[in-house]
N, C-alpha and C. Protein backbone atom coordinates (compact mmCIF):
# COMPACT_ATOMS: atom_id res chain seq x y z
N MET A 1 -43.40 14.02 -10.27
CA MET A 1 -43.71 13.28 -9.05
C MET A 1 -43.12 14.02 -7.84
N PRO A 2 -43.91 14.28 -6.79
CA PRO A 2 -43.39 14.98 -5.63
C PRO A 2 -42.34 14.16 -4.92
N ARG A 3 -41.36 14.85 -4.37
CA ARG A 3 -40.27 14.18 -3.69
C ARG A 3 -40.68 13.82 -2.26
N THR A 4 -40.46 12.59 -1.85
CA THR A 4 -40.79 12.17 -0.49
C THR A 4 -39.70 12.64 0.46
N LYS A 5 -40.00 12.59 1.78
CA LYS A 5 -39.01 12.99 2.77
C LYS A 5 -37.77 12.11 2.69
N SER A 6 -37.99 10.79 2.48
CA SER A 6 -36.86 9.87 2.43
C SER A 6 -36.00 10.12 1.21
N SER A 7 -36.61 10.38 0.05
CA SER A 7 -35.84 10.64 -1.16
C SER A 7 -35.12 11.97 -1.07
N ALA A 8 -35.76 12.96 -0.45
CA ALA A 8 -35.11 14.25 -0.27
C ALA A 8 -33.92 14.13 0.67
N SER A 9 -34.07 13.31 1.71
CA SER A 9 -32.98 13.08 2.66
C SER A 9 -31.81 12.38 1.97
N TRP A 10 -32.13 11.37 1.13
CA TRP A 10 -31.09 10.66 0.39
C TRP A 10 -30.35 11.62 -0.54
N LEU A 11 -31.11 12.45 -1.26
CA LEU A 11 -30.49 13.38 -2.21
C LEU A 11 -29.57 14.35 -1.49
N SER A 12 -30.02 14.87 -0.35
CA SER A 12 -29.20 15.80 0.42
C SER A 12 -27.91 15.13 0.89
N ARG A 13 -28.03 13.90 1.39
CA ARG A 13 -26.85 13.17 1.86
C ARG A 13 -25.91 12.86 0.70
N HIS A 14 -26.51 12.48 -0.45
CA HIS A 14 -25.71 12.13 -1.62
C HIS A 14 -24.90 13.33 -2.10
N LEU A 15 -25.55 14.49 -2.19
CA LEU A 15 -24.87 15.67 -2.73
C LEU A 15 -23.80 16.20 -1.79
N SER A 16 -23.95 15.91 -0.47
CA SER A 16 -22.95 16.37 0.49
C SER A 16 -21.87 15.33 0.76
N ASP A 17 -22.00 14.15 0.14
CA ASP A 17 -21.06 13.05 0.35
C ASP A 17 -19.69 13.43 -0.23
N PRO A 18 -18.63 13.36 0.59
CA PRO A 18 -17.30 13.74 0.08
C PRO A 18 -16.82 12.86 -1.05
N PHE A 19 -17.24 11.58 -1.08
CA PHE A 19 -16.81 10.69 -2.17
C PHE A 19 -17.54 11.02 -3.47
N VAL A 20 -18.77 11.50 -3.38
CA VAL A 20 -19.48 11.95 -4.57
C VAL A 20 -18.76 13.17 -5.16
N LYS A 21 -18.41 14.10 -4.28
CA LYS A 21 -17.69 15.31 -4.73
C LYS A 21 -16.33 14.95 -5.31
N GLN A 22 -15.63 14.02 -4.67
CA GLN A 22 -14.31 13.62 -5.15
C GLN A 22 -14.41 12.92 -6.50
N ALA A 23 -15.45 12.09 -6.67
CA ALA A 23 -15.65 11.39 -7.95
C ALA A 23 -15.88 12.39 -9.08
N GLN A 24 -16.64 13.43 -8.80
CA GLN A 24 -16.87 14.47 -9.81
C GLN A 24 -15.56 15.17 -10.15
N LYS A 25 -14.76 15.43 -9.14
CA LYS A 25 -13.48 16.11 -9.34
C LYS A 25 -12.50 15.24 -10.12
N ASP A 26 -12.46 13.94 -9.79
CA ASP A 26 -11.50 13.02 -10.40
C ASP A 26 -11.98 12.45 -11.74
N GLY A 27 -13.23 12.69 -12.08
CA GLY A 27 -13.76 12.21 -13.35
C GLY A 27 -14.24 10.77 -13.33
N TYR A 28 -14.54 10.24 -12.14
CA TYR A 28 -15.08 8.88 -12.05
C TYR A 28 -16.60 8.91 -12.21
N ARG A 29 -17.12 7.83 -12.76
CA ARG A 29 -18.55 7.78 -13.04
C ARG A 29 -19.40 7.60 -11.78
N SER A 30 -18.83 7.06 -10.73
CA SER A 30 -19.58 6.87 -9.50
C SER A 30 -18.63 6.84 -8.31
N ARG A 31 -19.18 7.10 -7.13
CA ARG A 31 -18.39 7.08 -5.90
C ARG A 31 -17.87 5.69 -5.58
N SER A 32 -18.50 4.67 -6.17
CA SER A 32 -18.08 3.29 -5.91
C SER A 32 -16.66 3.01 -6.41
N ALA A 33 -16.17 3.86 -7.30
CA ALA A 33 -14.80 3.69 -7.80
C ALA A 33 -13.80 3.63 -6.65
N TYR A 34 -14.05 4.43 -5.61
CA TYR A 34 -13.11 4.49 -4.48
C TYR A 34 -13.13 3.21 -3.64
N LYS A 35 -14.24 2.49 -3.70
CA LYS A 35 -14.29 1.20 -3.00
C LYS A 35 -13.32 0.22 -3.65
N LEU A 36 -13.35 0.14 -4.97
CA LEU A 36 -12.44 -0.76 -5.67
C LEU A 36 -10.99 -0.29 -5.53
N ILE A 37 -10.77 1.00 -5.58
CA ILE A 37 -9.41 1.52 -5.41
C ILE A 37 -8.85 1.09 -4.05
N GLU A 38 -9.64 1.20 -2.99
CA GLU A 38 -9.17 0.80 -1.66
C GLU A 38 -8.97 -0.71 -1.57
N LEU A 39 -9.90 -1.48 -2.13
CA LEU A 39 -9.73 -2.94 -2.14
C LEU A 39 -8.45 -3.32 -2.86
N ASN A 40 -8.19 -2.66 -3.97
CA ASN A 40 -6.98 -2.97 -4.73
C ASN A 40 -5.72 -2.57 -3.99
N ASP A 41 -5.78 -1.44 -3.29
CA ASP A 41 -4.62 -1.01 -2.51
C ASP A 41 -4.28 -2.02 -1.41
N LYS A 42 -5.33 -2.58 -0.80
CA LYS A 42 -5.12 -3.52 0.30
C LYS A 42 -4.76 -4.92 -0.18
N ASP A 43 -5.39 -5.36 -1.25
CA ASP A 43 -5.31 -6.77 -1.64
C ASP A 43 -4.62 -7.02 -2.97
N ARG A 44 -4.15 -5.97 -3.63
CA ARG A 44 -3.39 -6.12 -4.88
C ARG A 44 -4.13 -7.04 -5.87
N LEU A 45 -5.35 -6.67 -6.17
CA LEU A 45 -6.19 -7.52 -7.01
C LEU A 45 -5.89 -7.37 -8.51
N ILE A 46 -5.62 -6.14 -8.94
CA ILE A 46 -5.53 -5.84 -10.37
C ILE A 46 -4.11 -5.46 -10.74
N ARG A 47 -3.60 -6.13 -11.77
CA ARG A 47 -2.26 -5.84 -12.26
C ARG A 47 -2.29 -5.58 -13.77
N HIS A 48 -1.25 -4.94 -14.23
CA HIS A 48 -1.11 -4.63 -15.66
C HIS A 48 -1.20 -5.93 -16.48
N GLY A 49 -1.98 -5.88 -17.55
CA GLY A 49 -2.06 -7.01 -18.47
C GLY A 49 -3.10 -8.06 -18.14
N MET A 50 -3.85 -7.87 -17.07
CA MET A 50 -4.85 -8.86 -16.66
C MET A 50 -6.09 -8.87 -17.56
N ARG A 51 -6.79 -10.02 -17.54
CA ARG A 51 -8.15 -10.12 -18.08
C ARG A 51 -9.10 -10.09 -16.88
N VAL A 52 -9.96 -9.08 -16.84
CA VAL A 52 -10.85 -8.87 -15.70
C VAL A 52 -12.30 -8.84 -16.18
N MET A 53 -13.19 -9.45 -15.41
CA MET A 53 -14.62 -9.37 -15.71
C MET A 53 -15.31 -8.56 -14.62
N ASP A 54 -16.17 -7.63 -15.04
CA ASP A 54 -16.96 -6.81 -14.12
C ASP A 54 -18.43 -7.15 -14.31
N LEU A 55 -19.00 -7.87 -13.34
CA LEU A 55 -20.40 -8.28 -13.40
C LEU A 55 -21.29 -7.19 -12.82
N GLY A 56 -22.31 -6.79 -13.57
CA GLY A 56 -23.19 -5.72 -13.11
C GLY A 56 -22.47 -4.39 -13.11
N SER A 57 -21.94 -4.01 -14.25
CA SER A 57 -20.95 -2.94 -14.34
C SER A 57 -21.50 -1.53 -14.39
N ALA A 58 -22.70 -1.33 -14.94
CA ALA A 58 -23.21 0.04 -15.14
C ALA A 58 -23.35 0.78 -13.81
N PRO A 59 -23.01 2.06 -13.78
CA PRO A 59 -22.64 2.94 -14.89
C PRO A 59 -21.17 2.87 -15.31
N GLY A 60 -20.37 2.07 -14.61
CA GLY A 60 -19.00 1.86 -15.07
C GLY A 60 -17.91 2.30 -14.11
N GLY A 61 -18.27 2.62 -12.86
CA GLY A 61 -17.27 3.07 -11.91
C GLY A 61 -16.14 2.07 -11.69
N TRP A 62 -16.50 0.80 -11.49
CA TRP A 62 -15.47 -0.22 -11.28
C TRP A 62 -14.72 -0.55 -12.56
N SER A 63 -15.43 -0.61 -13.68
CA SER A 63 -14.78 -0.88 -14.96
C SER A 63 -13.79 0.22 -15.31
N GLN A 64 -14.13 1.45 -14.96
CA GLN A 64 -13.26 2.59 -15.23
C GLN A 64 -11.94 2.44 -14.48
N VAL A 65 -12.01 2.06 -13.20
CA VAL A 65 -10.81 1.84 -12.40
C VAL A 65 -10.01 0.66 -12.94
N ALA A 66 -10.70 -0.45 -13.20
CA ALA A 66 -10.03 -1.66 -13.67
C ALA A 66 -9.37 -1.43 -15.02
N GLY A 67 -10.06 -0.70 -15.91
CA GLY A 67 -9.51 -0.44 -17.24
C GLY A 67 -8.20 0.33 -17.17
N LYS A 68 -8.12 1.28 -16.24
CA LYS A 68 -6.87 2.04 -16.07
C LYS A 68 -5.76 1.14 -15.54
N LEU A 69 -6.10 0.27 -14.60
CA LEU A 69 -5.09 -0.54 -13.94
C LEU A 69 -4.55 -1.68 -14.82
N VAL A 70 -5.40 -2.26 -15.69
CA VAL A 70 -4.90 -3.34 -16.54
C VAL A 70 -4.07 -2.79 -17.69
N GLY A 71 -4.28 -1.52 -18.04
CA GLY A 71 -3.49 -0.90 -19.10
C GLY A 71 -3.84 -1.41 -20.49
N ASP A 72 -3.10 -0.94 -21.46
CA ASP A 72 -3.38 -1.29 -22.85
C ASP A 72 -3.08 -2.74 -23.19
N LYS A 73 -2.29 -3.42 -22.36
CA LYS A 73 -2.00 -4.83 -22.60
C LYS A 73 -2.98 -5.76 -21.90
N GLY A 74 -3.88 -5.20 -21.11
CA GLY A 74 -4.92 -5.97 -20.45
C GLY A 74 -6.27 -5.64 -21.05
N ARG A 75 -7.31 -6.25 -20.49
CA ARG A 75 -8.65 -5.98 -21.00
C ARG A 75 -9.68 -6.29 -19.93
N VAL A 76 -10.72 -5.47 -19.89
CA VAL A 76 -11.85 -5.69 -18.99
C VAL A 76 -13.07 -6.03 -19.83
N LEU A 77 -13.80 -7.05 -19.42
CA LEU A 77 -15.10 -7.36 -20.02
C LEU A 77 -16.17 -7.00 -19.00
N ALA A 78 -16.98 -6.00 -19.32
CA ALA A 78 -18.05 -5.55 -18.44
C ALA A 78 -19.38 -6.06 -18.96
N THR A 79 -20.27 -6.44 -18.04
CA THR A 79 -21.61 -6.89 -18.43
C THR A 79 -22.65 -6.27 -17.52
N ASP A 80 -23.80 -5.93 -18.09
CA ASP A 80 -24.92 -5.41 -17.31
C ASP A 80 -26.18 -5.47 -18.17
N ILE A 81 -27.33 -5.55 -17.51
CA ILE A 81 -28.59 -5.50 -18.26
C ILE A 81 -28.88 -4.06 -18.72
N LEU A 82 -28.25 -3.09 -18.07
CA LEU A 82 -28.40 -1.69 -18.46
C LEU A 82 -27.29 -1.28 -19.43
N PRO A 83 -27.53 -0.28 -20.26
CA PRO A 83 -26.48 0.19 -21.17
C PRO A 83 -25.35 0.86 -20.40
N MET A 84 -24.16 0.90 -20.98
CA MET A 84 -23.01 1.55 -20.37
C MET A 84 -22.17 2.20 -21.46
N GLU A 85 -21.80 3.44 -21.25
CA GLU A 85 -20.97 4.14 -22.23
C GLU A 85 -19.55 3.56 -22.24
N GLY A 86 -18.89 3.67 -23.38
CA GLY A 86 -17.59 3.06 -23.58
C GLY A 86 -16.50 3.62 -22.66
N LEU A 87 -15.52 2.78 -22.41
CA LEU A 87 -14.37 3.14 -21.59
C LEU A 87 -13.11 2.55 -22.21
N ARG A 88 -11.99 3.19 -21.98
CA ARG A 88 -10.73 2.69 -22.51
C ARG A 88 -10.38 1.34 -21.88
N ASN A 89 -9.94 0.40 -22.70
CA ASN A 89 -9.54 -0.95 -22.31
C ASN A 89 -10.69 -1.80 -21.79
N VAL A 90 -11.91 -1.38 -22.09
CA VAL A 90 -13.09 -2.10 -21.60
C VAL A 90 -14.00 -2.47 -22.77
N ASP A 91 -14.38 -3.75 -22.85
CA ASP A 91 -15.41 -4.20 -23.77
C ASP A 91 -16.69 -4.41 -22.97
N PHE A 92 -17.83 -4.21 -23.61
CA PHE A 92 -19.10 -4.28 -22.89
C PHE A 92 -20.08 -5.20 -23.60
N ILE A 93 -20.72 -6.08 -22.83
CA ILE A 93 -21.80 -6.92 -23.33
C ILE A 93 -23.05 -6.60 -22.53
N GLN A 94 -24.08 -6.12 -23.20
CA GLN A 94 -25.33 -5.79 -22.50
C GLN A 94 -26.24 -7.01 -22.47
N GLY A 95 -26.72 -7.35 -21.28
CA GLY A 95 -27.62 -8.49 -21.13
C GLY A 95 -27.45 -9.13 -19.77
N ASP A 96 -28.27 -10.13 -19.51
CA ASP A 96 -28.24 -10.87 -18.25
C ASP A 96 -27.11 -11.90 -18.32
N PHE A 97 -26.15 -11.82 -17.39
CA PHE A 97 -24.98 -12.69 -17.47
C PHE A 97 -25.30 -14.15 -17.18
N THR A 98 -26.54 -14.44 -16.79
CA THR A 98 -26.94 -15.85 -16.60
C THR A 98 -27.68 -16.40 -17.83
N ASP A 99 -27.99 -15.53 -18.78
CA ASP A 99 -28.67 -15.96 -20.00
C ASP A 99 -27.70 -16.75 -20.88
N ASP A 100 -28.16 -17.86 -21.44
CA ASP A 100 -27.27 -18.74 -22.21
C ASP A 100 -26.58 -18.02 -23.36
N ALA A 101 -27.32 -17.14 -24.03
CA ALA A 101 -26.73 -16.42 -25.16
C ALA A 101 -25.62 -15.46 -24.70
N ILE A 102 -25.82 -14.83 -23.55
CA ILE A 102 -24.80 -13.93 -23.02
C ILE A 102 -23.60 -14.73 -22.53
N VAL A 103 -23.85 -15.85 -21.88
CA VAL A 103 -22.77 -16.73 -21.43
C VAL A 103 -21.90 -17.14 -22.62
N GLN A 104 -22.53 -17.47 -23.73
CA GLN A 104 -21.78 -17.87 -24.92
C GLN A 104 -20.93 -16.71 -25.45
N ARG A 105 -21.48 -15.50 -25.41
CA ARG A 105 -20.71 -14.33 -25.86
C ARG A 105 -19.50 -14.09 -24.96
N ILE A 106 -19.68 -14.34 -23.66
CA ILE A 106 -18.56 -14.19 -22.72
C ILE A 106 -17.45 -15.18 -23.06
N PHE A 107 -17.82 -16.44 -23.31
CA PHE A 107 -16.80 -17.45 -23.62
C PHE A 107 -16.20 -17.23 -25.00
N ASP A 108 -16.98 -16.68 -25.91
CA ASP A 108 -16.41 -16.31 -27.22
C ASP A 108 -15.35 -15.23 -27.03
N TRP A 109 -15.64 -14.27 -26.15
CA TRP A 109 -14.69 -13.19 -25.87
C TRP A 109 -13.40 -13.75 -25.27
N LEU A 110 -13.54 -14.73 -24.39
CA LEU A 110 -12.37 -15.34 -23.75
C LEU A 110 -11.51 -16.14 -24.72
N ALA A 111 -12.13 -16.66 -25.76
CA ALA A 111 -11.40 -17.39 -26.81
C ALA A 111 -10.51 -18.49 -26.22
N GLY A 112 -11.09 -19.28 -25.32
CA GLY A 112 -10.37 -20.41 -24.75
C GLY A 112 -9.57 -20.08 -23.50
N GLU A 113 -9.45 -18.81 -23.16
CA GLU A 113 -8.74 -18.39 -21.95
C GLU A 113 -9.72 -18.28 -20.78
N LYS A 114 -9.22 -17.87 -19.62
CA LYS A 114 -10.07 -17.62 -18.46
C LYS A 114 -9.68 -16.29 -17.83
N PHE A 115 -10.55 -15.78 -16.94
CA PHE A 115 -10.30 -14.49 -16.32
C PHE A 115 -9.27 -14.62 -15.19
N ASP A 116 -8.49 -13.55 -15.02
CA ASP A 116 -7.54 -13.45 -13.92
C ASP A 116 -8.20 -12.88 -12.66
N LEU A 117 -9.35 -12.25 -12.85
CA LEU A 117 -10.07 -11.64 -11.74
C LEU A 117 -11.51 -11.41 -12.17
N ILE A 118 -12.45 -11.67 -11.27
CA ILE A 118 -13.84 -11.31 -11.49
C ILE A 118 -14.26 -10.40 -10.34
N ILE A 119 -14.86 -9.25 -10.68
CA ILE A 119 -15.31 -8.29 -9.69
C ILE A 119 -16.80 -8.01 -9.89
N SER A 120 -17.47 -7.62 -8.80
CA SER A 120 -18.90 -7.33 -8.92
C SER A 120 -19.34 -6.38 -7.81
N ASP A 121 -19.90 -5.27 -8.22
CA ASP A 121 -20.50 -4.32 -7.27
C ASP A 121 -22.01 -4.33 -7.44
N ILE A 122 -22.54 -5.44 -7.92
CA ILE A 122 -23.95 -5.53 -8.25
C ILE A 122 -24.81 -5.56 -6.98
N ALA A 123 -25.97 -4.95 -7.07
CA ALA A 123 -26.95 -5.00 -5.98
C ALA A 123 -28.34 -5.00 -6.59
N PRO A 124 -29.28 -5.70 -5.98
CA PRO A 124 -30.65 -5.70 -6.52
C PRO A 124 -31.32 -4.36 -6.32
N ASN A 125 -32.35 -4.10 -7.12
CA ASN A 125 -33.18 -2.93 -6.87
C ASN A 125 -33.89 -3.13 -5.54
N MET A 126 -33.66 -2.22 -4.61
CA MET A 126 -34.18 -2.40 -3.27
C MET A 126 -35.68 -2.10 -3.19
N SER A 127 -36.41 -3.03 -2.55
CA SER A 127 -37.85 -2.88 -2.39
C SER A 127 -38.21 -2.19 -1.08
N GLY A 128 -37.25 -2.17 -0.15
CA GLY A 128 -37.52 -1.65 1.19
C GLY A 128 -37.95 -2.72 2.17
N ILE A 129 -38.18 -3.93 1.66
CA ILE A 129 -38.50 -5.07 2.52
C ILE A 129 -37.20 -5.82 2.78
N ASP A 130 -36.67 -5.69 3.99
CA ASP A 130 -35.32 -6.17 4.28
C ASP A 130 -35.11 -7.63 3.93
N SER A 131 -36.05 -8.48 4.31
CA SER A 131 -35.87 -9.92 4.09
C SER A 131 -35.83 -10.24 2.61
N ALA A 132 -36.68 -9.60 1.82
CA ALA A 132 -36.72 -9.83 0.38
C ALA A 132 -35.46 -9.29 -0.29
N ASP A 133 -35.03 -8.10 0.12
CA ASP A 133 -33.84 -7.49 -0.46
C ASP A 133 -32.60 -8.33 -0.15
N GLN A 134 -32.52 -8.83 1.09
CA GLN A 134 -31.38 -9.66 1.47
C GLN A 134 -31.34 -10.95 0.67
N ALA A 135 -32.50 -11.58 0.50
CA ALA A 135 -32.57 -12.83 -0.26
C ALA A 135 -32.14 -12.61 -1.71
N ARG A 136 -32.57 -11.51 -2.32
CA ARG A 136 -32.20 -11.22 -3.70
C ARG A 136 -30.71 -10.93 -3.81
N SER A 137 -30.15 -10.25 -2.81
CA SER A 137 -28.72 -9.94 -2.82
C SER A 137 -27.90 -11.23 -2.79
N ILE A 138 -28.26 -12.16 -1.91
CA ILE A 138 -27.53 -13.43 -1.82
C ILE A 138 -27.72 -14.23 -3.11
N TYR A 139 -28.90 -14.16 -3.68
CA TYR A 139 -29.17 -14.87 -4.94
C TYR A 139 -28.23 -14.37 -6.05
N PHE A 140 -28.06 -13.04 -6.14
CA PHE A 140 -27.13 -12.49 -7.13
C PHE A 140 -25.71 -12.98 -6.89
N LEU A 141 -25.31 -13.04 -5.63
CA LEU A 141 -23.97 -13.52 -5.30
C LEU A 141 -23.79 -14.98 -5.69
N GLU A 142 -24.82 -15.78 -5.49
CA GLU A 142 -24.74 -17.19 -5.88
C GLU A 142 -24.62 -17.33 -7.39
N LEU A 143 -25.36 -16.50 -8.14
CA LEU A 143 -25.23 -16.50 -9.60
C LEU A 143 -23.83 -16.09 -10.02
N ALA A 144 -23.29 -15.08 -9.33
CA ALA A 144 -21.93 -14.63 -9.63
C ALA A 144 -20.92 -15.73 -9.37
N LEU A 145 -21.10 -16.48 -8.27
CA LEU A 145 -20.18 -17.56 -7.95
C LEU A 145 -20.25 -18.66 -9.01
N ASP A 146 -21.42 -18.90 -9.56
CA ASP A 146 -21.55 -19.88 -10.63
C ASP A 146 -20.73 -19.46 -11.84
N THR A 147 -20.75 -18.15 -12.17
CA THR A 147 -19.93 -17.63 -13.26
C THR A 147 -18.45 -17.76 -12.94
N VAL A 148 -18.09 -17.47 -11.69
CA VAL A 148 -16.71 -17.60 -11.24
C VAL A 148 -16.20 -19.01 -11.47
N CYS A 149 -16.99 -19.99 -11.07
CA CYS A 149 -16.57 -21.39 -11.18
C CYS A 149 -16.36 -21.82 -12.63
N LYS A 150 -17.07 -21.18 -13.55
CA LYS A 150 -16.96 -21.53 -14.97
C LYS A 150 -15.84 -20.78 -15.68
N ALA A 151 -15.57 -19.54 -15.23
CA ALA A 151 -14.76 -18.66 -16.07
C ALA A 151 -13.49 -18.13 -15.43
N LEU A 152 -13.22 -18.46 -14.15
CA LEU A 152 -12.04 -17.94 -13.47
C LEU A 152 -10.92 -18.96 -13.53
N ARG A 153 -9.70 -18.51 -13.75
CA ARG A 153 -8.58 -19.44 -13.80
C ARG A 153 -8.16 -19.86 -12.39
N PRO A 154 -7.60 -21.05 -12.23
CA PRO A 154 -7.10 -21.48 -10.92
C PRO A 154 -6.06 -20.50 -10.37
N GLY A 155 -6.16 -20.22 -9.08
CA GLY A 155 -5.24 -19.30 -8.42
C GLY A 155 -5.68 -17.85 -8.45
N ALA A 156 -6.72 -17.54 -9.20
CA ALA A 156 -7.17 -16.16 -9.37
C ALA A 156 -8.10 -15.72 -8.24
N SER A 157 -8.61 -14.47 -8.35
CA SER A 157 -9.37 -13.86 -7.26
C SER A 157 -10.75 -13.39 -7.71
N PHE A 158 -11.60 -13.16 -6.70
CA PHE A 158 -12.98 -12.72 -6.90
C PHE A 158 -13.29 -11.71 -5.80
N ALA A 159 -13.88 -10.57 -6.15
CA ALA A 159 -14.26 -9.55 -5.17
C ALA A 159 -15.66 -9.07 -5.47
N ALA A 160 -16.52 -9.02 -4.45
CA ALA A 160 -17.91 -8.67 -4.69
C ALA A 160 -18.55 -8.03 -3.47
N LYS A 161 -19.58 -7.23 -3.74
CA LYS A 161 -20.39 -6.63 -2.68
C LYS A 161 -21.27 -7.70 -2.03
N MET A 162 -21.40 -7.61 -0.70
CA MET A 162 -22.30 -8.49 0.03
C MET A 162 -22.96 -7.70 1.15
N PHE A 163 -24.26 -7.95 1.36
CA PHE A 163 -24.95 -7.35 2.49
C PHE A 163 -25.01 -8.38 3.62
N GLN A 164 -24.53 -8.00 4.78
CA GLN A 164 -24.52 -8.91 5.91
C GLN A 164 -25.94 -9.12 6.42
N GLY A 165 -26.29 -10.38 6.63
CA GLY A 165 -27.64 -10.72 7.07
C GLY A 165 -27.92 -12.17 6.78
N ALA A 166 -29.19 -12.52 6.68
CA ALA A 166 -29.59 -13.90 6.43
C ALA A 166 -28.93 -14.43 5.16
N GLY A 167 -28.26 -15.55 5.27
CA GLY A 167 -27.63 -16.18 4.11
C GLY A 167 -26.19 -15.79 3.88
N SER A 168 -25.72 -14.72 4.50
CA SER A 168 -24.35 -14.27 4.22
C SER A 168 -23.31 -15.22 4.80
N ASP A 169 -23.54 -15.76 5.99
CA ASP A 169 -22.58 -16.71 6.58
C ASP A 169 -22.49 -17.98 5.73
N GLN A 170 -23.63 -18.45 5.25
CA GLN A 170 -23.64 -19.64 4.41
C GLN A 170 -22.91 -19.38 3.10
N TYR A 171 -23.07 -18.18 2.57
CA TYR A 171 -22.38 -17.83 1.32
C TYR A 171 -20.87 -17.82 1.53
N LEU A 172 -20.43 -17.30 2.66
CA LEU A 172 -19.00 -17.29 2.95
C LEU A 172 -18.46 -18.72 3.05
N LYS A 173 -19.26 -19.63 3.58
CA LYS A 173 -18.85 -21.04 3.64
C LYS A 173 -18.67 -21.60 2.24
N GLN A 174 -19.59 -21.23 1.32
CA GLN A 174 -19.46 -21.67 -0.07
C GLN A 174 -18.16 -21.14 -0.68
N LEU A 175 -17.88 -19.86 -0.44
CA LEU A 175 -16.65 -19.28 -0.99
C LEU A 175 -15.41 -20.02 -0.49
N ARG A 176 -15.42 -20.36 0.80
CA ARG A 176 -14.24 -21.02 1.38
C ARG A 176 -14.04 -22.43 0.82
N MET A 177 -15.07 -22.99 0.24
CA MET A 177 -14.93 -24.29 -0.43
C MET A 177 -14.18 -24.16 -1.75
N HIS A 178 -14.21 -22.95 -2.33
CA HIS A 178 -13.63 -22.73 -3.66
C HIS A 178 -12.34 -21.93 -3.65
N PHE A 179 -12.07 -21.23 -2.53
CA PHE A 179 -10.91 -20.34 -2.47
C PHE A 179 -10.05 -20.63 -1.25
N ASP A 180 -8.76 -20.37 -1.36
CA ASP A 180 -7.84 -20.59 -0.25
C ASP A 180 -8.03 -19.58 0.87
N LYS A 181 -8.38 -18.34 0.53
CA LYS A 181 -8.51 -17.29 1.53
C LYS A 181 -9.73 -16.42 1.21
N VAL A 182 -10.54 -16.13 2.23
CA VAL A 182 -11.71 -15.27 2.05
C VAL A 182 -11.66 -14.18 3.12
N LEU A 183 -11.67 -12.91 2.66
CA LEU A 183 -11.56 -11.76 3.55
C LEU A 183 -12.81 -10.90 3.45
N ILE A 184 -13.12 -10.19 4.54
CA ILE A 184 -14.22 -9.23 4.54
C ILE A 184 -13.62 -7.83 4.67
N ARG A 185 -14.03 -6.93 3.77
CA ARG A 185 -13.53 -5.57 3.79
C ARG A 185 -14.70 -4.58 3.89
N LYS A 186 -14.44 -3.46 4.54
CA LYS A 186 -15.42 -2.36 4.63
C LYS A 186 -14.70 -1.09 4.21
N PRO A 187 -14.70 -0.79 2.90
CA PRO A 187 -13.98 0.40 2.43
C PRO A 187 -14.54 1.69 3.04
N ALA A 188 -13.70 2.71 3.10
CA ALA A 188 -14.12 3.99 3.67
C ALA A 188 -15.28 4.59 2.89
N ALA A 189 -15.37 4.32 1.59
CA ALA A 189 -16.45 4.86 0.76
C ALA A 189 -17.76 4.12 0.95
N SER A 190 -17.75 3.03 1.70
CA SER A 190 -18.98 2.31 2.03
C SER A 190 -19.57 2.93 3.28
N ARG A 191 -20.79 3.42 3.19
CA ARG A 191 -21.38 4.16 4.30
C ARG A 191 -21.45 3.32 5.57
N LYS A 192 -21.08 3.93 6.69
CA LYS A 192 -20.95 3.20 7.96
C LYS A 192 -22.25 2.55 8.39
N GLU A 193 -23.38 3.20 8.12
CA GLU A 193 -24.67 2.67 8.57
C GLU A 193 -25.17 1.52 7.70
N SER A 194 -24.53 1.31 6.55
CA SER A 194 -24.96 0.26 5.63
C SER A 194 -24.44 -1.10 6.06
N ARG A 195 -25.22 -2.15 5.77
CA ARG A 195 -24.79 -3.53 6.01
C ARG A 195 -23.86 -4.02 4.90
N GLU A 196 -23.57 -3.15 3.97
CA GLU A 196 -22.72 -3.48 2.83
C GLU A 196 -21.27 -3.72 3.26
N VAL A 197 -20.74 -4.85 2.83
CA VAL A 197 -19.32 -5.14 2.97
C VAL A 197 -18.85 -5.72 1.63
N TYR A 198 -17.56 -5.98 1.52
CA TYR A 198 -17.02 -6.59 0.31
C TYR A 198 -16.25 -7.85 0.67
N VAL A 199 -16.54 -8.92 -0.07
CA VAL A 199 -15.79 -10.16 0.11
C VAL A 199 -14.67 -10.18 -0.91
N VAL A 200 -13.49 -10.54 -0.45
CA VAL A 200 -12.33 -10.70 -1.33
C VAL A 200 -11.87 -12.14 -1.17
N ALA A 201 -12.04 -12.91 -2.23
CA ALA A 201 -11.68 -14.33 -2.21
C ALA A 201 -10.46 -14.55 -3.09
N LYS A 202 -9.41 -15.16 -2.54
CA LYS A 202 -8.15 -15.31 -3.26
C LYS A 202 -7.74 -16.78 -3.33
N GLY A 203 -7.07 -17.13 -4.43
CA GLY A 203 -6.59 -18.49 -4.60
C GLY A 203 -7.70 -19.45 -5.01
N PHE A 204 -8.33 -19.17 -6.16
CA PHE A 204 -9.39 -20.05 -6.65
C PHE A 204 -8.83 -21.45 -6.92
N ARG A 205 -9.55 -22.45 -6.41
CA ARG A 205 -9.06 -23.82 -6.51
C ARG A 205 -9.42 -24.50 -7.84
N GLY A 206 -10.32 -23.89 -8.59
CA GLY A 206 -10.64 -24.45 -9.90
C GLY A 206 -11.57 -25.65 -9.81
């Protein structure tokens, strides 16, 4: 398939991106690893021994960071509809995290416990139609919040990607109903021209 001007431009920008080069040097699966590293540096989200869930984990950049930080006494449960290669301290369930069978596998994994942190760098496949892409992004966040309400322990935290636009203010209002503090972060690895930000919600009320 011939390469379009837009795809060629993206590829050129991607290959010259300093975070892409740094990820290759540091052995991270994706440049998004640095977003979680910065969020963790600022907000102290991940500690040794935690149980962490990574929603929409493939190819594993965030799970890779979280797995290192929780250490051998902690554990990360990663889920995605796409396959993901194994990582140290990380278990993986392939499937839709809203599917009843997958939900049951998640709770079986928890064995009566709850997560200390839920993270998500998930984004919909972009169609190029801004209104449709924004609606799908907020929909994914709402699904993630439903999982949070079921599986996060009281007092714990949630961090996720959000695109600013229609529905984002309303979503933040929903988060504030469930958490004591809600912050907006724009990590250095998040491209300046992107509407992408990260919400960090702390103190889940249960």
